[in-house]
Amino acid sequence: MYLKKILLTVVFLGLVGMAGFSYYVYQNIFTPNTGFNNPQANIFIPTGATFKMVQEELSPLLKDMSTFVTVAQRKGYVSNIKAGHFIIKKGSNNNEIINSIRSGNTPVTIKFNNQERLENLAGHLAKQIEADSLSLLNAMLDIDFLKASGFTQDTALGMYIANSYQVYWNTSSKAFCQKMLKQYHVFWNDARVAKAKAISLSKDQVMALAAIVQKETAMIDERPVVAGLYLNRLKKGMLLQADPTVIFAKKKTENNFNQVIKRVLFKDLKITSPYNTYANSGVPPGPITMPDVSAIDGVLNYKKHGFYFMVADVNNFGYHKFAKTLSAHNRNKKQYVNWINKQGVKR
C-alpha cells in the first residue's frame, strides 16, 4: 500500500513536470512573439553582426525578448548569425523567427538611373545595399576588373544599364559589379549588337551617344529623332556640337559637379576637354550620364530624316525645333535666344 502511494506520487510529479515542461516549451517556442501590425517586417543584419546587434534590430518587433533569447541559445543561433535582409511574418513564433533570420536571406530590389558619374552611382547604391559608397566606387574603378571586362574609367559608367535589379542586400561590392557586368551582356543581345554594327558604332560609342540624347531630351518619343540628327552629323563628318557635352566638360574640368548650368556661353565652347563636342569630332570618350534604355534604343532604332540642327521649342516645352539647313536653324535659334534673354537666364 505504501509502495503504491509512492508510485502514484512519482507518476503525479512526473505528469506535473511534463505539464510544466510542455507549458515552458509552448510559451517559449510556439507562442506568437511579434509585436507589429503589418503583415510582415523587414530586418537587415549587417556582416559580422553580434547577437546583441541582432537583439537591437529585433527589439521593436518582438513582444518578449527573453523568450526569443532562450530559444536562440537552444537552437545555436547565437554562434551562427547570418548577414542579410530577412522577412518576419506577423504572428511568427520564436522558432519561426529564428528559422527566418538564419536561412531566409531575401533579395532586395534596387533601382538606378540618370546617374552622372560612377561617384553618384556608388552613393545612390550605398543607400540601397550594405556596401558603402567608397567600397563600391573602388570596385567599379578596379583596374583589373575594368581591363578584364573591356572597359576604361571613361566608359565604365556605360556598363551599368539603368533598370531595377534583385540583389542580396549584403552582396559585396565586387560581387555587385560582376552581377552588373552579366546584366550588361544580357542587355547587349545579338539584335542590339547587330544594330550597333549597322550604324558603325561600338557598344561604348552607342552608350556615349545615347547619354547625349538622354541629356538633350526627356521626351521618349523624341529620342529617336534626336539620335537620327546626331547620326546624320557623324555620317557627314560634322561636329556634334551638343551643349550637354560642354556642360559636362566644364564640370569635369573645374572638378565641380554640383554647379547648375542652365545656359552655355560662347566662352564655354572653347573649353579644352575631350568631352567638348564643339572642339572634338566624333562621340565623347565615354557617357556624360547614365542613359535610359529608351535613349540607348533610340540610338539603335533612330529615325531617318534630313535634320542636322535643333533648338529648344519655346512654344512646346520639352521638345525641339529641327532644321535641315543652317539658315532655318538660325531663325529657330533667334526665337529661343530672345525667349531665354527675357527669362533673365545668364548662366
Protein backbone atom coordinates (compact mmCIF):
# COMPACT_ATOMS: atom_id res chain seq x y z
CA MET A 1 0.00 0.00 0.00
CA TYR A 2 2.79 2.34 0.95
CA LEU A 3 4.72 1.48 -2.21
CA LYS A 4 1.64 2.15 -4.28
CA LYS A 5 1.35 5.64 -2.82
CA ILE A 6 4.98 6.33 -3.64
CA LEU A 7 4.50 5.19 -7.23
CA LEU A 8 1.40 7.32 -7.62
CA THR A 9 3.22 10.30 -6.20
CA VAL A 10 6.13 9.79 -8.59
CA VAL A 11 3.75 9.48 -11.53
CA PHE A 12 1.87 12.57 -10.43
CA LEU A 13 5.04 14.57 -10.03
CA GLY A 14 6.19 13.32 -13.42
CA LEU A 15 2.96 14.44 -15.03
CA VAL A 16 3.23 17.82 -13.34
CA GLY A 17 6.80 18.11 -14.55
CA MET A 18 5.84 17.15 -18.06
CA ALA A 19 2.98 19.61 -17.99
CA GLY A 20 5.32 22.31 -16.74
CA PHE A 21 7.87 21.48 -19.40
CA SER A 22 5.21 21.45 -22.10
CA TYR A 23 3.97 24.82 -20.95
CA TYR A 24 7.54 26.13 -20.96
CA VAL A 25 8.11 24.83 -24.48
CA TYR A 26 4.83 26.21 -25.71
CA GLN A 27 5.43 29.63 -24.14
CA ASN A 28 8.99 29.92 -25.42
CA ILE A 29 8.83 28.24 -28.78
CA PHE A 30 5.31 28.09 -30.18
CA THR A 31 3.60 31.21 -28.83
CA PRO A 32 3.41 34.06 -31.39
CA ASN A 33 6.00 36.67 -30.43
CA THR A 34 5.63 39.50 -32.94
CA GLY A 35 4.59 42.95 -31.86
CA PHE A 36 3.89 44.69 -35.16
CA ASN A 37 0.63 45.18 -37.05
CA ASN A 38 1.83 44.99 -40.65
CA PRO A 39 1.67 41.64 -42.49
CA GLN A 40 5.45 41.39 -42.29
CA ALA A 41 8.54 43.21 -41.08
CA ASN A 42 11.93 43.61 -42.76
CA ILE A 43 15.16 43.43 -40.82
CA PHE A 44 18.72 43.94 -42.01
CA ILE A 45 21.54 42.15 -40.22
CA PRO A 46 24.97 43.50 -41.20
CA THR A 47 28.01 41.39 -41.94
CA GLY A 48 29.85 40.49 -38.73
CA ALA A 49 26.88 41.32 -36.52
CA THR A 50 26.89 40.17 -32.90
CA PHE A 51 23.88 38.62 -31.19
CA LYS A 52 23.45 41.86 -29.25
CA MET A 53 23.14 43.74 -32.56
CA VAL A 54 20.52 41.25 -33.71
CA GLN A 55 18.60 41.82 -30.48
CA GLU A 56 18.70 45.59 -31.02
CA GLU A 57 17.40 45.13 -34.55
CA LEU A 58 14.57 42.87 -33.38
CA SER A 59 13.69 44.75 -30.20
CA PRO A 60 10.94 46.97 -31.73
CA LEU A 61 9.37 43.94 -33.41
CA LEU A 62 9.08 41.38 -30.58
CA LYS A 63 6.73 41.14 -27.61
CA ASP A 64 9.10 39.16 -25.40
CA MET A 65 12.85 39.36 -25.97
CA SER A 66 13.72 36.99 -23.14
CA THR A 67 11.91 34.00 -24.67
CA PHE A 68 13.48 34.76 -28.03
CA VAL A 69 16.95 34.76 -26.44
CA THR A 70 16.25 31.43 -24.73
CA VAL A 71 15.18 29.74 -27.96
CA ALA A 72 18.02 31.34 -29.92
CA GLN A 73 20.51 29.90 -27.47
CA ARG A 74 18.97 26.42 -27.57
CA LYS A 75 18.92 26.41 -31.39
CA GLY A 76 22.56 27.51 -31.61
CA TYR A 77 21.73 30.71 -33.45
CA VAL A 78 23.78 32.89 -31.08
CA SER A 79 27.03 31.48 -32.52
CA ASN A 80 25.80 31.15 -36.10
CA ILE A 81 24.49 34.57 -37.12
CA LYS A 82 23.84 35.20 -40.81
CA ALA A 83 24.01 38.59 -42.52
CA GLY A 84 21.35 39.75 -44.94
CA HIS A 85 17.81 41.01 -45.43
CA PHE A 86 15.18 38.90 -43.70
CA ILE A 87 11.39 38.95 -43.54
CA ILE A 88 9.44 38.12 -40.40
CA LYS A 89 5.73 37.43 -40.81
CA LYS A 90 3.17 38.72 -38.37
CA GLY A 91 2.25 36.10 -35.77
CA SER A 92 5.51 34.17 -36.07
CA ASN A 93 6.74 32.32 -33.01
CA ASN A 94 10.33 32.30 -31.80
CA ASN A 95 11.14 29.11 -33.65
CA GLU A 96 9.84 30.55 -36.93
CA ILE A 97 11.59 33.87 -36.35
CA ILE A 98 14.94 32.19 -35.83
CA ASN A 99 14.45 29.98 -38.88
CA SER A 100 13.65 33.08 -40.92
CA ILE A 101 16.74 35.05 -39.90
CA ARG A 102 19.01 32.04 -40.17
CA SER A 103 18.17 30.78 -43.64
CA GLY A 104 15.75 33.25 -45.21
CA ASN A 105 18.07 35.84 -46.77
CA THR A 106 15.76 37.58 -49.24
CA PRO A 107 16.89 39.70 -52.22
CA VAL A 108 16.05 43.40 -52.32
CA THR A 109 15.05 45.38 -55.39
CA ILE A 110 17.48 48.15 -56.27
CA LYS A 111 16.89 50.89 -58.81
CA PHE A 112 19.18 53.36 -60.51
CA ASN A 113 19.06 55.74 -63.46
CA ASN A 114 20.22 59.21 -64.51
CA GLN A 115 23.48 58.99 -62.57
CA GLU A 116 26.04 61.44 -63.96
CA ARG A 117 29.19 59.66 -62.74
CA LEU A 118 30.28 56.47 -61.03
CA GLU A 119 30.66 58.51 -57.85
CA ASN A 120 26.98 59.38 -57.97
CA LEU A 121 26.01 55.80 -58.74
CA ALA A 122 28.06 54.46 -55.84
CA GLY A 123 26.44 56.93 -53.45
CA HIS A 124 22.99 56.06 -54.73
CA LEU A 125 23.57 52.32 -54.37
CA ALA A 126 25.00 52.66 -50.86
CA LYS A 127 21.54 53.76 -49.74
CA GLN A 128 20.04 50.51 -51.01
CA ILE A 129 22.56 47.77 -50.11
CA GLU A 130 25.01 47.13 -47.29
CA ALA A 131 28.19 48.08 -49.17
CA ASP A 132 29.36 51.66 -48.59
CA SER A 133 29.93 54.14 -51.41
CA LEU A 134 33.73 54.06 -51.18
CA SER A 135 33.99 50.28 -51.47
CA LEU A 136 31.54 50.34 -54.39
CA LEU A 137 33.47 53.06 -56.20
CA ASN A 138 36.76 51.26 -55.65
CA ALA A 139 35.28 48.07 -57.08
CA MET A 140 33.87 49.95 -60.07
CA LEU A 141 37.23 51.54 -60.82
CA ASP A 142 39.37 48.50 -60.08
CA ILE A 143 41.98 48.38 -62.84
CA ASP A 144 41.99 44.60 -63.14
CA PHE A 145 38.19 44.45 -63.27
CA LEU A 146 37.99 47.15 -65.94
CA LYS A 147 40.69 45.51 -68.04
CA ALA A 148 39.11 42.06 -67.80
CA SER A 149 35.64 43.40 -68.67
CA GLY A 150 36.80 45.58 -71.57
CA PHE A 151 36.09 48.98 -70.06
CA THR A 152 38.11 52.07 -69.15
CA GLN A 153 37.47 54.66 -66.47
CA ASP A 154 35.84 56.81 -69.16
CA THR A 155 33.50 54.10 -70.45
CA ALA A 156 32.83 52.25 -67.16
CA LEU A 157 29.55 54.06 -66.40
CA GLY A 158 28.11 52.52 -69.57
CA MET A 159 28.34 49.06 -68.01
CA TYR A 160 25.51 49.86 -65.59
CA ILE A 161 22.25 49.66 -67.52
CA ALA A 162 19.59 51.80 -65.86
CA ASN A 163 16.92 49.45 -64.54
CA SER A 164 15.62 47.61 -61.47
CA TYR A 165 17.51 44.55 -60.25
CA GLN A 166 17.18 41.98 -57.49
CA VAL A 167 20.32 41.50 -55.40
CA TYR A 168 21.10 40.29 -51.92
CA TRP A 169 21.36 43.24 -49.55
CA ASN A 170 24.71 42.00 -48.21
CA THR A 171 26.22 41.44 -51.67
CA SER A 172 29.84 42.57 -51.69
CA SER A 173 30.94 45.47 -53.90
CA LYS A 174 32.93 43.18 -56.18
CA ALA A 175 30.09 40.69 -56.49
CA PHE A 176 27.72 43.53 -57.32
CA CYS A 177 29.95 44.73 -60.16
CA GLN A 178 30.23 41.20 -61.52
CA LYS A 179 26.44 40.87 -61.47
CA MET A 180 26.05 44.16 -63.35
CA LEU A 181 28.59 43.01 -65.93
CA LYS A 182 26.48 39.90 -66.55
CA GLN A 183 23.37 42.07 -66.90
CA TYR A 184 25.24 44.28 -69.36
CA HIS A 185 25.98 41.27 -71.57
CA VAL A 186 22.35 40.16 -71.31
CA PHE A 187 21.25 43.63 -72.41
CA TRP A 188 23.60 43.64 -75.37
CA ASN A 189 21.96 40.73 -77.13
CA ASP A 190 22.63 39.76 -80.73
CA ALA A 191 19.92 42.08 -82.04
CA ARG A 192 21.33 45.18 -80.33
CA VAL A 193 24.90 44.29 -81.32
CA ALA A 194 23.79 43.93 -84.95
CA LYS A 195 22.04 47.32 -84.87
CA ALA A 196 25.16 48.98 -83.42
CA LYS A 197 27.26 47.43 -86.17
CA ALA A 198 24.78 48.66 -88.79
CA ILE A 199 25.38 52.28 -87.75
CA SER A 200 29.14 51.73 -87.48
CA LEU A 201 29.32 52.35 -83.75
CA SER A 202 30.82 50.25 -80.99
CA LYS A 203 28.79 49.49 -77.87
CA ASP A 204 30.78 52.13 -75.98
CA GLN A 205 30.07 54.70 -78.69
CA VAL A 206 26.37 53.86 -78.65
CA MET A 207 26.32 54.43 -74.89
CA ALA A 208 28.19 57.73 -75.23
CA LEU A 209 25.80 58.97 -77.93
CA ALA A 210 22.76 57.72 -76.01
CA ALA A 211 23.93 59.73 -73.00
CA ILE A 212 23.89 62.88 -75.13
CA VAL A 213 20.41 62.04 -76.40
CA GLN A 214 19.34 61.45 -72.79
CA LYS A 215 20.55 64.91 -71.78
CA GLU A 216 19.12 66.63 -74.84
CA THR A 217 15.54 65.46 -74.42
CA ALA A 218 13.43 63.92 -71.70
CA MET A 219 10.72 63.13 -74.24
CA ILE A 220 10.98 59.43 -75.04
CA ASP A 221 9.16 59.81 -78.36
CA GLU A 222 11.65 62.48 -79.47
CA ARG A 223 14.81 60.50 -78.67
CA PRO A 224 14.95 58.54 -81.97
CA VAL A 225 14.63 61.86 -83.83
CA VAL A 226 17.47 63.47 -81.85
CA ALA A 227 19.58 60.33 -82.30
CA GLY A 228 18.94 60.47 -86.05
CA LEU A 229 20.12 64.08 -86.13
CA TYR A 230 23.43 63.26 -84.45
CA LEU A 231 23.95 60.22 -86.66
CA ASN A 232 23.39 62.47 -89.69
CA ARG A 233 26.10 64.79 -88.42
CA LEU A 234 28.50 61.92 -87.78
CA LYS A 235 27.95 60.49 -91.26
CA LYS A 236 28.64 63.88 -92.82
CA GLY A 237 31.76 64.44 -90.71
CA MET A 238 30.23 67.36 -88.81
CA LEU A 239 30.95 68.14 -85.17
CA LEU A 240 28.13 67.02 -82.89
CA GLN A 241 28.10 70.41 -81.14
CA ALA A 242 25.97 69.13 -78.29
CA ASP A 243 25.58 71.61 -75.43
CA PRO A 244 25.29 68.89 -72.75
CA THR A 245 28.83 67.75 -73.56
CA VAL A 246 30.10 71.30 -72.98
CA ILE A 247 28.33 71.43 -69.63
CA PHE A 248 29.90 68.10 -68.64
CA ALA A 249 33.32 69.26 -69.86
CA LYS A 250 33.03 72.41 -67.74
CA LYS A 251 32.05 70.46 -64.63
CA LYS A 252 34.80 67.88 -65.15
CA THR A 253 37.49 70.44 -65.93
CA GLU A 254 36.60 72.51 -62.88
CA ASN A 255 36.03 69.35 -60.78
CA ASN A 256 32.71 70.75 -59.65
CA PHE A 257 29.72 68.59 -60.49
CA ASN A 258 27.46 70.45 -58.07
CA GLN A 259 27.20 73.55 -60.21
CA VAL A 260 23.93 74.13 -62.06
CA ILE A 261 24.39 75.40 -65.62
CA LYS A 262 21.28 76.47 -67.48
CA ARG A 263 22.94 78.31 -70.34
CA VAL A 264 26.07 77.56 -72.33
CA LEU A 265 28.14 80.67 -73.10
CA PHE A 266 30.37 81.22 -76.13
CA LYS A 267 33.48 81.07 -73.98
CA ASP A 268 32.42 77.61 -72.77
CA LEU A 269 32.66 76.30 -76.33
CA LYS A 270 36.44 76.75 -76.15
CA ILE A 271 36.94 74.55 -73.08
CA THR A 272 39.81 72.15 -73.64
CA SER A 273 38.35 68.73 -72.98
CA PRO A 274 37.85 65.54 -74.99
CA TYR A 275 34.18 65.77 -73.97
CA ASN A 276 33.68 69.11 -75.72
CA THR A 277 31.96 68.17 -78.98
CA TYR A 278 32.29 71.75 -80.26
CA ALA A 279 36.06 71.22 -80.32
CA ASN A 280 36.37 67.48 -80.97
CA SER A 281 34.93 65.30 -83.71
CA GLY A 282 33.04 62.09 -83.10
CA VAL A 283 31.39 60.98 -79.87
CA PRO A 284 32.97 61.70 -76.46
CA PRO A 285 35.33 59.12 -74.88
CA GLY A 286 32.55 57.98 -72.56
CA PRO A 287 28.97 58.71 -71.48
CA ILE A 288 28.26 62.09 -69.89
CA THR A 289 25.44 60.49 -67.90
CA MET A 290 23.76 57.13 -67.48
CA PRO A 291 21.37 56.78 -70.42
CA ASP A 292 17.97 55.20 -70.05
CA VAL A 293 17.17 52.12 -72.10
CA SER A 294 14.86 54.33 -74.18
CA ALA A 295 17.82 56.56 -75.08
CA ILE A 296 20.02 53.58 -75.98
CA ASP A 297 17.31 52.02 -78.09
CA GLY A 298 16.58 55.46 -79.51
CA VAL A 299 20.08 55.43 -80.99
CA LEU A 300 19.87 51.83 -82.19
CA ASN A 301 16.42 52.45 -83.69
CA TYR A 302 17.00 56.02 -84.80
CA LYS A 303 14.57 57.82 -87.05
CA LYS A 304 15.78 58.51 -90.56
CA HIS A 305 15.31 62.14 -91.65
CA GLY A 306 17.26 65.05 -93.09
CA PHE A 307 17.73 67.18 -89.96
CA TYR A 308 21.15 68.46 -88.88
CA PHE A 309 20.19 71.19 -86.41
CA MET A 310 17.89 71.58 -83.44
CA VAL A 311 17.00 74.06 -80.72
CA ALA A 312 14.54 74.05 -77.85
CA ASP A 313 10.97 74.80 -78.87
CA VAL A 314 9.71 77.66 -76.67
CA ASN A 315 6.16 77.03 -77.83
CA ASN A 316 6.22 73.35 -76.93
CA PHE A 317 8.40 72.98 -73.86
CA GLY A 318 10.34 69.78 -73.61
CA TYR A 319 10.51 69.33 -77.37
CA HIS A 320 12.75 70.81 -80.06
CA LYS A 321 12.51 72.52 -83.41
CA PHE A 322 14.51 70.72 -86.08
CA ALA A 323 16.05 72.14 -89.22
CA LYS A 324 17.77 70.82 -92.31
CA THR A 325 19.72 73.99 -93.09
CA LEU A 326 21.76 76.43 -91.01
CA SER A 327 19.66 79.38 -92.15
CA ALA A 328 16.46 77.72 -90.96
CA HIS A 329 18.18 76.76 -87.71
CA ASN A 330 19.34 80.34 -87.11
CA ARG A 331 15.75 81.54 -87.39
CA ASN A 332 14.66 78.96 -84.82
CA LYS A 333 17.63 79.78 -82.62
CA LYS A 334 16.85 83.51 -82.66
CA GLN A 335 13.41 82.81 -81.26
CA TYR A 336 14.94 80.70 -78.48
CA VAL A 337 17.64 83.26 -77.61
CA ASN A 338 15.04 86.04 -77.40
CA TRP A 339 12.95 83.91 -75.07
CA ILE A 340 15.81 82.92 -72.78
CA ASN A 341 17.02 86.53 -72.58
CA LYS A 342 13.55 87.59 -71.45
CA GLN A 343 13.76 84.96 -68.71
CA GLY A 344 16.95 86.57 -67.44
CA VAL A 345 18.93 83.35 -67.64
CA LYS A 346 22.59 84.32 -67.84
CA ARG A 347 24.28 81.10 -66.77
